[in-house]
Amino acid sequence: MDVRRILHTGRVVHHNGRPAAGAFVWVATGTAPTPEIAVVSDEKGYFRLALPPGHFEIRARSEGGQEGKAEATAGEEPLHIEIEVSAPD
């Protein structure tokens, strides 16, 4: 079974809007299998993630250990996923 995957873009930022460079980004849960274990954001906090159609929880952890998450429903059109990371409680 060949499942079509769409390349989506996203950005990881800190609570003050600064980019979270080097953050690990991964699919925590989803309604379909995903091919990537994790990706790393670039120096401006941007990342790319290939997802099949479905609903996903995307998580991020910055180099300083701050975490964040976003919900995304992927379809046939590329999404832009914003994740804000903050210090753990």
N, C-alpha and C. Protein backbone atom coordinates (compact mmCIF):
# COMPACT_ATOMS: atom_id res chain seq x y z
N MET A 1 0.84 -1.18 0.00
CA MET A 1 0.00 0.00 0.00
C MET A 1 0.89 1.24 0.00
N ASP A 2 0.77 2.06 -1.02
CA ASP A 2 1.57 3.27 -1.14
C ASP A 2 0.77 4.46 -0.63
N VAL A 3 1.22 5.05 0.49
CA VAL A 3 0.53 6.19 1.08
C VAL A 3 1.27 7.45 0.66
N ARG A 4 0.54 8.38 0.09
CA ARG A 4 1.14 9.64 -0.34
C ARG A 4 1.43 10.51 0.88
N ARG A 5 2.64 11.07 0.91
CA ARG A 5 3.05 11.96 1.99
C ARG A 5 3.27 13.35 1.41
N ILE A 6 2.85 14.36 2.14
CA ILE A 6 3.03 15.76 1.76
C ILE A 6 4.09 16.36 2.67
N LEU A 7 4.99 17.15 2.09
CA LEU A 7 6.02 17.82 2.87
C LEU A 7 5.44 19.10 3.47
N HIS A 8 5.41 19.16 4.79
CA HIS A 8 4.87 20.31 5.52
C HIS A 8 6.03 21.08 6.13
N THR A 9 5.81 22.37 6.34
CA THR A 9 6.83 23.20 6.97
C THR A 9 6.34 23.60 8.35
N GLY A 10 7.26 24.04 9.17
CA GLY A 10 6.89 24.50 10.50
C GLY A 10 8.01 25.31 11.10
N ARG A 11 7.71 25.85 12.27
CA ARG A 11 8.71 26.65 12.98
C ARG A 11 8.54 26.44 14.47
N VAL A 12 9.67 26.32 15.17
CA VAL A 12 9.69 26.20 16.62
C VAL A 12 10.21 27.52 17.16
N VAL A 13 9.45 28.11 18.09
CA VAL A 13 9.85 29.38 18.70
C VAL A 13 9.72 29.28 20.21
N HIS A 14 10.47 30.14 20.90
CA HIS A 14 10.33 30.28 22.36
C HIS A 14 9.13 31.17 22.64
N HIS A 15 8.70 31.24 23.90
CA HIS A 15 7.52 32.03 24.27
C HIS A 15 7.65 33.51 23.89
N ASN A 16 8.87 34.01 23.75
CA ASN A 16 9.09 35.41 23.39
C ASN A 16 9.23 35.61 21.88
N GLY A 17 9.02 34.56 21.10
CA GLY A 17 9.08 34.66 19.65
C GLY A 17 10.45 34.37 19.03
N ARG A 18 11.49 34.23 19.87
CA ARG A 18 12.82 33.89 19.34
C ARG A 18 12.81 32.49 18.75
N PRO A 19 13.51 32.28 17.64
CA PRO A 19 13.56 30.94 17.05
C PRO A 19 14.27 29.95 17.98
N ALA A 20 13.79 28.72 17.97
CA ALA A 20 14.41 27.65 18.75
C ALA A 20 15.26 26.81 17.80
N ALA A 21 16.46 27.27 17.55
CA ALA A 21 17.38 26.57 16.65
C ALA A 21 17.80 25.25 17.27
N GLY A 22 17.91 24.21 16.45
CA GLY A 22 18.38 22.91 16.92
C GLY A 22 17.37 22.13 17.73
N ALA A 23 16.09 22.51 17.67
CA ALA A 23 15.06 21.78 18.41
C ALA A 23 14.75 20.45 17.71
N PHE A 24 14.52 19.42 18.49
CA PHE A 24 14.07 18.14 17.95
C PHE A 24 12.56 18.21 17.78
N VAL A 25 12.05 17.78 16.63
CA VAL A 25 10.62 17.79 16.32
C VAL A 25 10.23 16.38 15.91
N TRP A 26 9.13 15.86 16.49
CA TRP A 26 8.71 14.51 16.16
C TRP A 26 7.19 14.38 16.25
N VAL A 27 6.67 13.33 15.62
CA VAL A 27 5.25 13.00 15.70
C VAL A 27 5.05 12.13 16.93
N ALA A 28 4.31 12.66 17.92
CA ALA A 28 4.07 11.92 19.16
C ALA A 28 2.95 10.90 18.98
N THR A 29 1.87 11.31 18.32
CA THR A 29 0.75 10.42 18.04
C THR A 29 0.17 10.77 16.68
N GLY A 30 -0.51 9.82 16.08
CA GLY A 30 -1.14 10.09 14.79
C GLY A 30 -2.05 8.98 14.36
N THR A 31 -2.87 9.29 13.37
CA THR A 31 -3.82 8.33 12.85
C THR A 31 -3.25 7.52 11.70
N ALA A 32 -1.99 7.81 11.32
CA ALA A 32 -1.32 7.08 10.24
C ALA A 32 0.16 6.99 10.56
N PRO A 33 0.85 5.94 10.10
CA PRO A 33 2.28 5.82 10.34
C PRO A 33 3.05 6.94 9.65
N THR A 34 4.13 7.37 10.28
CA THR A 34 4.98 8.42 9.71
C THR A 34 6.38 7.87 9.45
N PRO A 35 7.05 8.35 8.40
CA PRO A 35 8.33 7.78 8.03
C PRO A 35 9.52 8.28 8.84
N GLU A 36 9.41 9.44 9.45
CA GLU A 36 10.56 10.03 10.13
C GLU A 36 10.46 9.84 11.64
N ILE A 37 11.60 9.58 12.27
CA ILE A 37 11.63 9.47 13.72
C ILE A 37 11.63 10.86 14.33
N ALA A 38 12.52 11.72 13.84
CA ALA A 38 12.59 13.11 14.31
C ALA A 38 13.35 13.93 13.28
N VAL A 39 13.08 15.23 13.29
CA VAL A 39 13.84 16.17 12.47
C VAL A 39 14.35 17.26 13.41
N VAL A 40 15.31 18.05 12.94
CA VAL A 40 15.90 19.11 13.75
C VAL A 40 15.65 20.44 13.06
N SER A 41 15.22 21.43 13.86
CA SER A 41 14.97 22.76 13.29
C SER A 41 16.28 23.45 12.94
N ASP A 42 16.22 24.32 11.92
CA ASP A 42 17.42 25.04 11.49
C ASP A 42 17.70 26.24 12.40
N GLU A 43 18.65 27.09 12.02
CA GLU A 43 19.06 28.22 12.87
C GLU A 43 17.95 29.25 13.07
N LYS A 44 16.94 29.23 12.22
CA LYS A 44 15.80 30.16 12.38
C LYS A 44 14.57 29.46 12.95
N GLY A 45 14.74 28.21 13.39
CA GLY A 45 13.65 27.46 14.00
C GLY A 45 12.77 26.70 13.02
N TYR A 46 13.06 26.77 11.73
CA TYR A 46 12.23 26.11 10.72
C TYR A 46 12.55 24.63 10.57
N PHE A 47 11.53 23.85 10.24
CA PHE A 47 11.71 22.42 9.98
C PHE A 47 10.77 22.01 8.85
N ARG A 48 11.03 20.81 8.29
CA ARG A 48 10.15 20.20 7.29
C ARG A 48 9.85 18.78 7.74
N LEU A 49 8.61 18.38 7.56
CA LEU A 49 8.17 17.08 8.04
C LEU A 49 7.19 16.48 7.02
N ALA A 50 7.48 15.26 6.56
CA ALA A 50 6.60 14.58 5.61
C ALA A 50 5.54 13.80 6.37
N LEU A 51 4.26 14.08 6.07
CA LEU A 51 3.16 13.41 6.75
C LEU A 51 2.15 12.90 5.73
N PRO A 52 1.59 11.72 5.98
CA PRO A 52 0.47 11.25 5.17
C PRO A 52 -0.80 11.96 5.67
N PRO A 53 -1.91 11.85 4.95
CA PRO A 53 -3.15 12.42 5.46
C PRO A 53 -3.51 11.81 6.81
N GLY A 54 -3.99 12.65 7.72
CA GLY A 54 -4.38 12.19 9.05
C GLY A 54 -4.27 13.30 10.07
N HIS A 55 -4.52 12.96 11.32
CA HIS A 55 -4.44 13.92 12.43
C HIS A 55 -3.25 13.53 13.31
N PHE A 56 -2.43 14.52 13.67
CA PHE A 56 -1.18 14.25 14.38
C PHE A 56 -0.95 15.23 15.52
N GLU A 57 -0.27 14.75 16.56
CA GLU A 57 0.26 15.63 17.59
C GLU A 57 1.77 15.71 17.34
N ILE A 58 2.25 16.91 17.07
CA ILE A 58 3.65 17.15 16.78
C ILE A 58 4.27 17.79 18.03
N ARG A 59 5.37 17.24 18.49
CA ARG A 59 6.05 17.78 19.69
C ARG A 59 7.43 18.29 19.31
N ALA A 60 7.92 19.21 20.14
CA ALA A 60 9.26 19.76 19.95
C ALA A 60 9.94 19.92 21.30
N ARG A 61 11.26 19.75 21.29
CA ARG A 61 12.09 19.97 22.50
C ARG A 61 13.29 20.78 22.07
N SER A 62 13.46 21.94 22.69
CA SER A 62 14.58 22.82 22.35
C SER A 62 15.87 22.28 22.95
N GLU A 63 17.00 22.84 22.53
CA GLU A 63 18.29 22.43 23.07
C GLU A 63 18.36 22.65 24.58
N GLY A 64 17.60 23.63 25.09
CA GLY A 64 17.58 23.92 26.53
C GLY A 64 16.59 23.07 27.30
N GLY A 65 15.87 22.16 26.63
CA GLY A 65 14.94 21.26 27.30
C GLY A 65 13.50 21.76 27.36
N GLN A 66 13.20 22.93 26.79
CA GLN A 66 11.84 23.42 26.78
C GLN A 66 11.03 22.61 25.77
N GLU A 67 9.77 22.36 26.10
CA GLU A 67 8.94 21.53 25.24
C GLU A 67 7.68 22.25 24.82
N GLY A 68 7.12 21.81 23.69
CA GLY A 68 5.86 22.33 23.20
C GLY A 68 5.23 21.33 22.26
N LYS A 69 3.97 21.59 21.90
CA LYS A 69 3.29 20.68 20.99
C LYS A 69 2.27 21.45 20.17
N ALA A 70 1.85 20.83 19.07
CA ALA A 70 0.82 21.39 18.20
C ALA A 70 0.03 20.23 17.61
N GLU A 71 -1.24 20.48 17.33
CA GLU A 71 -2.10 19.53 16.65
C GLU A 71 -2.11 19.90 15.17
N ALA A 72 -2.09 18.92 14.29
CA ALA A 72 -2.12 19.18 12.85
C ALA A 72 -2.96 18.13 12.16
N THR A 73 -3.83 18.58 11.27
CA THR A 73 -4.60 17.68 10.42
C THR A 73 -4.08 17.83 9.00
N ALA A 74 -3.39 16.82 8.55
CA ALA A 74 -2.76 16.86 7.23
C ALA A 74 -3.72 16.32 6.18
N GLY A 75 -3.71 16.96 5.04
CA GLY A 75 -4.52 16.52 3.91
C GLY A 75 -3.68 16.59 2.65
N GLU A 76 -4.26 17.06 1.58
CA GLU A 76 -3.56 17.15 0.30
C GLU A 76 -2.76 18.44 0.13
N GLU A 77 -3.02 19.44 0.97
CA GLU A 77 -2.31 20.73 0.87
C GLU A 77 -1.27 20.83 1.98
N PRO A 78 -0.10 21.41 1.68
CA PRO A 78 0.93 21.58 2.70
C PRO A 78 0.46 22.49 3.83
N LEU A 79 0.85 22.15 5.04
CA LEU A 79 0.54 22.94 6.23
C LEU A 79 1.78 23.70 6.69
N HIS A 80 1.56 24.75 7.51
CA HIS A 80 2.64 25.38 8.25
C HIS A 80 2.30 25.18 9.72
N ILE A 81 3.17 24.51 10.46
CA ILE A 81 2.93 24.11 11.84
C ILE A 81 3.79 24.96 12.77
N GLU A 82 3.16 25.71 13.66
CA GLU A 82 3.88 26.53 14.64
C GLU A 82 3.88 25.83 15.99
N ILE A 83 5.06 25.72 16.58
CA ILE A 83 5.18 25.11 17.93
C ILE A 83 5.93 26.09 18.82
N GLU A 84 5.29 26.45 19.93
CA GLU A 84 5.94 27.31 20.92
C GLU A 84 6.42 26.44 22.07
N VAL A 85 7.70 26.55 22.40
CA VAL A 85 8.26 25.78 23.50
C VAL A 85 8.38 26.68 24.73
N SER A 86 8.16 26.09 25.89
CA SER A 86 8.28 26.83 27.14
C SER A 86 8.93 25.94 28.18
N ALA A 87 9.39 26.54 29.25
CA ALA A 87 10.05 25.80 30.32
C ALA A 87 9.08 24.82 30.95
N PRO A 88 9.54 23.62 31.33
CA PRO A 88 8.65 22.66 32.00
C PRO A 88 8.17 23.19 33.34
N ASP A 89 6.96 22.78 33.74
CA ASP A 89 6.40 23.22 35.04
C ASP A 89 7.12 22.59 36.19
